[in-house]
Amino acid sequence: MQQPHAVYAFFNLGTGEILLILLVVLLLFGAKRLPELARGLGKGINEFRDAVDDSKKQIMDETKRDNMEDSKPNENGSTESEE
């Protein structure tokens, strides 16, 4: 059985298309603004990544806390999951 061929490309764009897009961006914003735009984009990506990591940590903490509460013995000595 033959596996489907997966194409890993940047939005399936070739080198020529990417260079054309970069040239248009350079013409629109100018050489002086490009570093500022790239810096802002980098900061935005880092903030997004930090927010995702914080959310993952909160979810994991809540899951651990719920699991600990579920396994806590109740008044008759058995755990809630045993009932």
PDB file of N, CA and C in Angstrom:
ATOM      1  N   MET A   1       0.843  -1.181   0.000  1.00  0.00           N
ATOM      2  CA  MET A   1       0.000   0.000   0.000  1.00  0.00           C
ATOM      3  C   MET A   1       0.884   1.239   0.000  1.00  0.00           C
ATOM      4  N   GLN A   2       0.582   2.183  -0.861  1.00  0.00           N
ATOM      5  CA  GLN A   2       1.410   3.357  -1.023  1.00  0.00           C
ATOM      6  C   GLN A   2       0.912   4.493  -0.137  1.00  0.00           C
ATOM      7  N   GLN A   3       1.831   5.134   0.576  1.00  0.00           N
ATOM      8  CA  GLN A   3       1.508   6.254   1.449  1.00  0.00           C
ATOM      9  C   GLN A   3       1.284   7.510   0.600  1.00  0.00           C
ATOM     10  N   PRO A   4       0.336   8.375   0.974  1.00  0.00           N
ATOM     11  CA  PRO A   4       0.175   9.629   0.242  1.00  0.00           C
ATOM     12  C   PRO A   4       1.387  10.524   0.461  1.00  0.00           C
ATOM     13  N   HIS A   5       1.779  11.225  -0.573  1.00  0.00           N
ATOM     14  CA  HIS A   5       2.950  12.091  -0.503  1.00  0.00           C
ATOM     15  C   HIS A   5       2.571  13.408   0.171  1.00  0.00           C
ATOM     16  N   ALA A   6       3.203  13.697   1.295  1.00  0.00           N
ATOM     17  CA  ALA A   6       2.926  14.931   2.024  1.00  0.00           C
ATOM     18  C   ALA A   6       3.905  16.005   1.574  1.00  0.00           C
ATOM     19  N   VAL A   7       3.391  17.173   1.276  1.00  0.00           N
ATOM     20  CA  VAL A   7       4.220  18.294   0.860  1.00  0.00           C
ATOM     21  C   VAL A   7       4.301  19.259   2.030  1.00  0.00           C
ATOM     22  N   TYR A   8       5.514  19.433   2.547  1.00  0.00           N
ATOM     23  CA  TYR A   8       5.729  20.355   3.650  1.00  0.00           C
ATOM     24  C   TYR A   8       6.307  21.634   3.077  1.00  0.00           C
ATOM     25  N   ALA A   9       5.482  22.632   2.896  1.00  0.00           N
ATOM     26  CA  ALA A   9       5.917  23.897   2.337  1.00  0.00           C
ATOM     27  C   ALA A   9       5.207  25.027   3.059  1.00  0.00           C
ATOM     28  N   PHE A  10       5.755  26.185   2.943  1.00  0.00           N
ATOM     29  CA  PHE A  10       5.186  27.368   3.560  1.00  0.00           C
ATOM     30  C   PHE A  10       3.966  27.789   2.756  1.00  0.00           C
ATOM     31  N   PHE A  11       2.791  27.373   3.172  1.00  0.00           N
ATOM     32  CA  PHE A  11       1.536  27.615   2.475  1.00  0.00           C
ATOM     33  C   PHE A  11       1.603  27.151   1.023  1.00  0.00           C
ATOM     34  N   ASN A  12       2.422  26.153   0.771  1.00  0.00           N
ATOM     35  CA  ASN A  12       2.584  25.576  -0.557  1.00  0.00           C
ATOM     36  C   ASN A  12       3.057  26.616  -1.575  1.00  0.00           C
ATOM     37  N   LEU A  13       3.911  27.557  -1.127  1.00  0.00           N
ATOM     38  CA  LEU A  13       4.469  28.583  -2.001  1.00  0.00           C
ATOM     39  C   LEU A  13       5.882  28.193  -2.391  1.00  0.00           C
ATOM     40  N   GLY A  14       6.253  28.513  -3.600  1.00  0.00           N
ATOM     41  CA  GLY A  14       7.612  28.260  -4.059  1.00  0.00           C
ATOM     42  C   GLY A  14       8.530  29.407  -3.695  1.00  0.00           C
ATOM     43  N   THR A  15       9.799  29.253  -4.028  1.00  0.00           N
ATOM     44  CA  THR A  15      10.801  30.271  -3.704  1.00  0.00           C
ATOM     45  C   THR A  15      10.484  31.586  -4.408  1.00  0.00           C
ATOM     46  N   GLY A  16      10.093  31.522  -5.664  1.00  0.00           N
ATOM     47  CA  GLY A  16       9.781  32.736  -6.415  1.00  0.00           C
ATOM     48  C   GLY A  16       8.641  33.524  -5.804  1.00  0.00           C
ATOM     49  N   GLU A  17       7.588  32.818  -5.376  1.00  0.00           N
ATOM     50  CA  GLU A  17       6.440  33.508  -4.778  1.00  0.00           C
ATOM     51  C   GLU A  17       6.813  34.162  -3.457  1.00  0.00           C
ATOM     52  N   ILE A  18       7.614  33.467  -2.657  1.00  0.00           N
ATOM     53  CA  ILE A  18       8.034  34.026  -1.368  1.00  0.00           C
ATOM     54  C   ILE A  18       8.892  35.267  -1.589  1.00  0.00           C
ATOM     55  N   LEU A  19       9.816  35.217  -2.552  1.00  0.00           N
ATOM     56  CA  LEU A  19      10.650  36.387  -2.852  1.00  0.00           C
ATOM     57  C   LEU A  19       9.807  37.555  -3.350  1.00  0.00           C
ATOM     58  N   LEU A  20       8.805  37.280  -4.154  1.00  0.00           N
ATOM     59  CA  LEU A  20       7.922  38.336  -4.641  1.00  0.00           C
ATOM     60  C   LEU A  20       7.158  38.980  -3.487  1.00  0.00           C
ATOM     61  N   ILE A  21       6.659  38.177  -2.566  1.00  0.00           N
ATOM     62  CA  ILE A  21       5.941  38.706  -1.398  1.00  0.00           C
ATOM     63  C   ILE A  21       6.876  39.568  -0.554  1.00  0.00           C
ATOM     64  N   LEU A  22       8.102  39.099  -0.323  1.00  0.00           N
ATOM     65  CA  LEU A  22       9.063  39.880   0.463  1.00  0.00           C
ATOM     66  C   LEU A  22       9.409  41.194  -0.221  1.00  0.00           C
ATOM     67  N   LEU A  23       9.526  41.186  -1.544  1.00  0.00           N
ATOM     68  CA  LEU A  23       9.810  42.403  -2.297  1.00  0.00           C
ATOM     69  C   LEU A  23       8.657  43.400  -2.177  1.00  0.00           C
ATOM     70  N   VAL A  24       7.417  42.914  -2.256  1.00  0.00           N
ATOM     71  CA  VAL A  24       6.249  43.793  -2.107  1.00  0.00           C
ATOM     72  C   VAL A  24       6.208  44.383  -0.697  1.00  0.00           C
ATOM     73  N   VAL A  25       6.489  43.574   0.321  1.00  0.00           N
ATOM     74  CA  VAL A  25       6.516  44.072   1.701  1.00  0.00           C
ATOM     75  C   VAL A  25       7.599  45.137   1.845  1.00  0.00           C
ATOM     76  N   LEU A  26       8.756  44.910   1.246  1.00  0.00           N
ATOM     77  CA  LEU A  26       9.850  45.880   1.305  1.00  0.00           C
ATOM     78  C   LEU A  26       9.437  47.191   0.643  1.00  0.00           C
ATOM     79  N   LEU A  27       8.760  47.103  -0.498  1.00  0.00           N
ATOM     80  CA  LEU A  27       8.321  48.311  -1.190  1.00  0.00           C
ATOM     81  C   LEU A  27       7.229  49.048  -0.416  1.00  0.00           C
ATOM     82  N   LEU A  28       6.331  48.316   0.212  1.00  0.00           N
ATOM     83  CA  LEU A  28       5.238  48.945   0.949  1.00  0.00           C
ATOM     84  C   LEU A  28       5.710  49.643   2.219  1.00  0.00           C
ATOM     85  N   PHE A  29       6.571  48.987   2.973  1.00  0.00           N
ATOM     86  CA  PHE A  29       6.941  49.507   4.287  1.00  0.00           C
ATOM     87  C   PHE A  29       8.292  50.204   4.307  1.00  0.00           C
ATOM     88  N   GLY A  30       9.154  49.923   3.372  1.00  0.00           N
ATOM     89  CA  GLY A  30      10.470  50.537   3.349  1.00  0.00           C
ATOM     90  C   GLY A  30      11.449  49.792   4.229  1.00  0.00           C
ATOM     91  N   ALA A  31      12.725  49.987   3.926  1.00  0.00           N
ATOM     92  CA  ALA A  31      13.790  49.259   4.636  1.00  0.00           C
ATOM     93  C   ALA A  31      13.905  49.681   6.092  1.00  0.00           C
ATOM     94  N   LYS A  32      13.539  50.926   6.398  1.00  0.00           N
ATOM     95  CA  LYS A  32      13.679  51.411   7.780  1.00  0.00           C
ATOM     96  C   LYS A  32      12.632  50.803   8.710  1.00  0.00           C
ATOM     97  N   ARG A  33      11.449  50.485   8.193  1.00  0.00           N
ATOM     98  CA  ARG A  33      10.369  49.964   9.034  1.00  0.00           C
ATOM     99  C   ARG A  33      10.413  48.449   9.192  1.00  0.00           C
ATOM    100  N   LEU A  34      11.098  47.729   8.315  1.00  0.00           N
ATOM    101  CA  LEU A  34      11.111  46.262   8.377  1.00  0.00           C
ATOM    102  C   LEU A  34      11.655  45.722   9.695  1.00  0.00           C
ATOM    103  N   PRO A  35      12.793  46.226  10.199  1.00  0.00           N
ATOM    104  CA  PRO A  35      13.261  45.702  11.507  1.00  0.00           C
ATOM    105  C   PRO A  35      12.261  45.959  12.629  1.00  0.00           C
ATOM    106  N   GLU A  36      11.604  47.106  12.590  1.00  0.00           N
ATOM    107  CA  GLU A  36      10.601  47.430  13.607  1.00  0.00           C
ATOM    108  C   GLU A  36       9.405  46.477  13.506  1.00  0.00           C
ATOM    109  N   LEU A  37       8.967  46.190  12.290  1.00  0.00           N
ATOM    110  CA  LEU A  37       7.863  45.255  12.093  1.00  0.00           C
ATOM    111  C   LEU A  37       8.241  43.848  12.547  1.00  0.00           C
ATOM    112  N   ALA A  38       9.459  43.429  12.209  1.00  0.00           N
ATOM    113  CA  ALA A  38       9.911  42.091  12.609  1.00  0.00           C
ATOM    114  C   ALA A  38      10.016  41.991  14.125  1.00  0.00           C
ATOM    115  N   ARG A  39      10.504  43.043  14.764  1.00  0.00           N
ATOM    116  CA  ARG A  39      10.612  43.059  16.222  1.00  0.00           C
ATOM    117  C   ARG A  39       9.234  42.953  16.861  1.00  0.00           C
ATOM    118  N   GLY A  40       8.284  43.707  16.346  1.00  0.00           N
ATOM    119  CA  GLY A  40       6.918  43.653  16.872  1.00  0.00           C
ATOM    120  C   GLY A  40       6.288  42.289  16.670  1.00  0.00           C
ATOM    121  N   LEU A  41       6.531  41.688  15.506  1.00  0.00           N
ATOM    122  CA  LEU A  41       6.010  40.353  15.234  1.00  0.00           C
ATOM    123  C   LEU A  41       6.625  39.331  16.194  1.00  0.00           C
ATOM    124  N   GLY A  42       7.914  39.442  16.438  1.00  0.00           N
ATOM    125  CA  GLY A  42       8.580  38.535  17.379  1.00  0.00           C
ATOM    126  C   GLY A  42       8.031  38.664  18.791  1.00  0.00           C
ATOM    127  N   LYS A  43       7.802  39.901  19.225  1.00  0.00           N
ATOM    128  CA  LYS A  43       7.230  40.113  20.564  1.00  0.00           C
ATOM    129  C   LYS A  43       5.832  39.522  20.656  1.00  0.00           C
ATOM    130  N   GLY A  44       5.054  39.698  19.605  1.00  0.00           N
ATOM    131  CA  GLY A  44       3.700  39.149  19.595  1.00  0.00           C
ATOM    132  C   GLY A  44       3.701  37.631  19.667  1.00  0.00           C
ATOM    133  N   ILE A  45       4.598  37.014  18.918  1.00  0.00           N
ATOM    134  CA  ILE A  45       4.707  35.549  18.936  1.00  0.00           C
ATOM    135  C   ILE A  45       5.121  35.070  20.316  1.00  0.00           C
ATOM    136  N   ASN A  46       6.086  35.754  20.937  1.00  0.00           N
ATOM    137  CA  ASN A  46       6.529  35.366  22.283  1.00  0.00           C
ATOM    138  C   ASN A  46       5.419  35.519  23.312  1.00  0.00           C
ATOM    139  N   GLU A  47       4.640  36.597  23.225  1.00  0.00           N
ATOM    140  CA  GLU A  47       3.522  36.778  24.150  1.00  0.00           C
ATOM    141  C   GLU A  47       2.471  35.686  23.966  1.00  0.00           C
ATOM    142  N   PHE A  48       2.197  35.335  22.729  1.00  0.00           N
ATOM    143  CA  PHE A  48       1.236  34.268  22.449  1.00  0.00           C
ATOM    144  C   PHE A  48       1.738  32.944  23.016  1.00  0.00           C
ATOM    145  N   ARG A  49       3.010  32.652  22.806  1.00  0.00           N
ATOM    146  CA  ARG A  49       3.607  31.414  23.313  1.00  0.00           C
ATOM    147  C   ARG A  49       3.540  31.364  24.839  1.00  0.00           C
ATOM    148  N   ASP A  50       3.826  32.502  25.496  1.00  0.00           N
ATOM    149  CA  ASP A  50       3.747  32.562  26.958  1.00  0.00           C
ATOM    150  C   ASP A  50       2.314  32.334  27.442  1.00  0.00           C
ATOM    151  N   ALA A  51       1.354  32.914  26.739  1.00  0.00           N
ATOM    152  CA  ALA A  51      -0.050  32.731  27.129  1.00  0.00           C
ATOM    153  C   ALA A  51      -0.469  31.274  26.982  1.00  0.00           C
ATOM    154  N   VAL A  52      -0.025  30.615  25.919  1.00  0.00           N
ATOM    155  CA  VAL A  52      -0.349  29.202  25.714  1.00  0.00           C
ATOM    156  C   VAL A  52       0.281  28.356  26.819  1.00  0.00           C
ATOM    157  N   ASP A  53       1.539  28.647  27.157  1.00  0.00           N
ATOM    158  CA  ASP A  53       2.214  27.901  28.220  1.00  0.00           C
ATOM    159  C   ASP A  53       1.511  28.090  29.564  1.00  0.00           C
ATOM    160  N   ASP A  54       1.097  29.329  29.854  1.00  0.00           N
ATOM    161  CA  ASP A  54       0.373  29.589  31.105  1.00  0.00           C
ATOM    162  C   ASP A  54      -0.948  28.827  31.147  1.00  0.00           C
ATOM    163  N   SER A  55      -1.639  28.803  30.023  1.00  0.00           N
ATOM    164  CA  SER A  55      -2.913  28.072  29.966  1.00  0.00           C
ATOM    165  C   SER A  55      -2.695  26.581  30.181  1.00  0.00           C
ATOM    166  N   LYS A  56      -1.656  26.035  29.549  1.00  0.00           N
ATOM    167  CA  LYS A  56      -1.347  24.612  29.730  1.00  0.00           C
ATOM    168  C   LYS A  56      -1.040  24.321  31.194  1.00  0.00           C
ATOM    169  N   LYS A  57      -0.275  25.212  31.826  1.00  0.00           N
ATOM    170  CA  LYS A  57       0.087  25.014  33.231  1.00  0.00           C
ATOM    171  C   LYS A  57      -1.159  25.048  34.110  1.00  0.00           C
ATOM    172  N   GLN A  58      -2.072  25.989  33.852  1.00  0.00           N
ATOM    173  CA  GLN A  58      -3.312  26.070  34.634  1.00  0.00           C
ATOM    174  C   GLN A  58      -4.146  24.799  34.463  1.00  0.00           C
ATOM    175  N   ILE A  59      -4.237  24.312  33.258  1.00  0.00           N
ATOM    176  CA  ILE A  59      -5.018  23.093  33.002  1.00  0.00           C
ATOM    177  C   ILE A  59      -4.397  21.912  33.726  1.00  0.00           C
ATOM    178  N   MET A  60      -3.081  21.786  33.657  1.00  0.00           N
ATOM    179  CA  MET A  60      -2.402  20.675  34.332  1.00  0.00           C
ATOM    180  C   MET A  60      -2.575  20.774  35.848  1.00  0.00           C
ATOM    181  N   ASP A  61      -2.466  21.992  36.401  1.00  0.00           N
ATOM    182  CA  ASP A  61      -2.651  22.176  37.842  1.00  0.00           C
ATOM    183  C   ASP A  61      -4.073  21.799  38.267  1.00  0.00           C
ATOM    184  N   GLU A  62      -5.064  22.222  37.485  1.00  0.00           N
ATOM    185  CA  GLU A  62      -6.456  21.887  37.800  1.00  0.00           C
ATOM    186  C   GLU A  62      -6.689  20.374  37.711  1.00  0.00           C
ATOM    187  N   THR A  63      -6.103  19.753  36.714  1.00  0.00           N
ATOM    188  CA  THR A  63      -6.253  18.304  36.552  1.00  0.00           C
ATOM    189  C   THR A  63      -5.636  17.571  37.738  1.00  0.00           C
ATOM    190  N   LYS A  64      -4.438  17.993  38.150  1.00  0.00           N
ATOM    191  CA  LYS A  64      -3.780  17.373  39.307  1.00  0.00           C
ATOM    192  C   LYS A  64      -4.625  17.557  40.564  1.00  0.00           C
ATOM    193  N   ARG A  65      -5.145  18.780  40.747  1.00  0.00           N
ATOM    194  CA  ARG A  65      -5.949  19.073  41.931  1.00  0.00           C
ATOM    195  C   ARG A  65      -7.223  18.228  41.941  1.00  0.00           C
ATOM    196  N   ASP A  66      -7.876  18.090  40.790  1.00  0.00           N
ATOM    197  CA  ASP A  66      -9.086  17.273  40.701  1.00  0.00           C
ATOM    198  C   ASP A  66      -8.784  15.806  40.980  1.00  0.00           C
ATOM    199  N   ASN A  67      -7.662  15.320  40.456  1.00  0.00           N
ATOM    200  CA  ASN A  67      -7.279  13.924  40.700  1.00  0.00           C
ATOM    201  C   ASN A  67      -6.972  13.683  42.174  1.00  0.00           C
ATOM    202  N   MET A  68      -6.346  14.669  42.823  1.00  0.00           N
ATOM    203  CA  MET A  68      -6.043  14.518  44.245  1.00  0.00           C
ATOM    204  C   MET A  68      -7.328  14.528  45.066  1.00  0.00           C
ATOM    205  N   GLU A  69      -8.293  15.367  44.688  1.00  0.00           N
ATOM    206  CA  GLU A  69      -9.564  15.415  45.407  1.00  0.00           C
ATOM    207  C   GLU A  69     -10.354  14.132  45.200  1.00  0.00           C
ATOM    208  N   ASP A  70     -10.293  13.551  44.015  1.00  0.00           N
ATOM    209  CA  ASP A  70     -11.007  12.304  43.741  1.00  0.00           C
ATOM    210  C   ASP A  70     -10.435  11.138  44.532  1.00  0.00           C
ATOM    211  N   SER A  71      -9.127  11.146  44.773  1.00  0.00           N
ATOM    212  CA  SER A  71      -8.516  10.018  45.470  1.00  0.00           C
ATOM    213  C   SER A  71      -8.454  10.228  46.987  1.00  0.00           C
ATOM    214  N   LYS A  72      -8.947  11.366  47.483  1.00  0.00           N
ATOM    215  CA  LYS A  72      -8.967  11.636  48.920  1.00  0.00           C
ATOM    216  C   LYS A  72      -9.961  10.709  49.610  1.00  0.00           C
ATOM    217  N   PRO A  73      -9.582  10.084  50.732  1.00  0.00           N
ATOM    218  CA  PRO A  73     -10.549   9.214  51.428  1.00  0.00           C
ATOM    219  C   PRO A  73     -11.678  10.043  52.032  1.00  0.00           C
ATOM    220  N   ASN A  74     -12.896   9.472  51.988  1.00  0.00           N
ATOM    221  CA  ASN A  74     -14.030  10.174  52.604  1.00  0.00           C
ATOM    222  C   ASN A  74     -14.208   9.668  54.039  1.00  0.00           C
ATOM    223  N   GLU A  75     -15.332   9.985  54.672  1.00  0.00           N
ATOM    224  CA  GLU A  75     -15.516   9.724  56.098  1.00  0.00           C
ATOM    225  C   GLU A  75     -15.416   8.229  56.464  1.00  0.00           C
ATOM    226  N   ASN A  76     -15.857   7.310  55.614  1.00  0.00           N
ATOM    227  CA  ASN A  76     -15.816   5.897  55.968  1.00  0.00           C
ATOM    228  C   ASN A  76     -14.499   5.225  55.557  1.00  0.00           C
ATOM    229  N   GLY A  77     -13.535   6.009  55.075  1.00  0.00           N
ATOM    230  CA  GLY A  77     -12.217   5.460  54.768  1.00  0.00           C
ATOM    231  C   GLY A  77     -12.043   5.014  53.323  1.00  0.00           C
ATOM    232  N   SER A  78     -13.110   4.977  52.545  1.00  0.00           N
ATOM    233  CA  SER A  78     -12.951   4.590  51.142  1.00  0.00           C
ATOM    234  C   SER A  78     -12.821   5.839  50.292  1.00  0.00           C
ATOM    235  N   THR A  79     -12.227   5.678  49.126  1.00  0.00           N
ATOM    236  CA  THR A  79     -12.101   6.807  48.224  1.00  0.00           C
ATOM    237  C   THR A  79     -13.364   6.929  47.405  1.00  0.00           C
ATOM    238  N   GLU A  80     -13.589   8.116  46.838  1.00  0.00           N
ATOM    239  CA  GLU A  80     -14.795   8.359  46.062  1.00  0.00           C
ATOM    240  C   GLU A  80     -14.844   7.474  44.837  1.00  0.00           C
ATOM    241  N   SER A  81     -13.689   7.160  44.258  1.00  0.00           N
ATOM    242  CA  SER A  81     -13.679   6.350  43.032  1.00  0.00           C
ATOM    243  C   SER A  81     -14.003   4.891  43.338  1.00  0.00           C
ATOM    244  N   GLU A  82     -13.912   4.466  44.611  1.00  0.00           N
ATOM    245  CA  GLU A  82     -14.200   3.083  44.962  1.00  0.00           C
ATOM    246  C   GLU A  82     -15.689   2.833  45.126  1.00  0.00           C
ATOM    247  N   GLU A  83     -16.458   3.905  45.286  1.00  0.00           N
ATOM    248  CA  GLU A  83     -17.885   3.744  45.547  1.00  0.00           C
ATOM    249  C   GLU A  83     -18.649   3.347  44.333  1.00  0.00           C
TER     250      GLU A  83
END
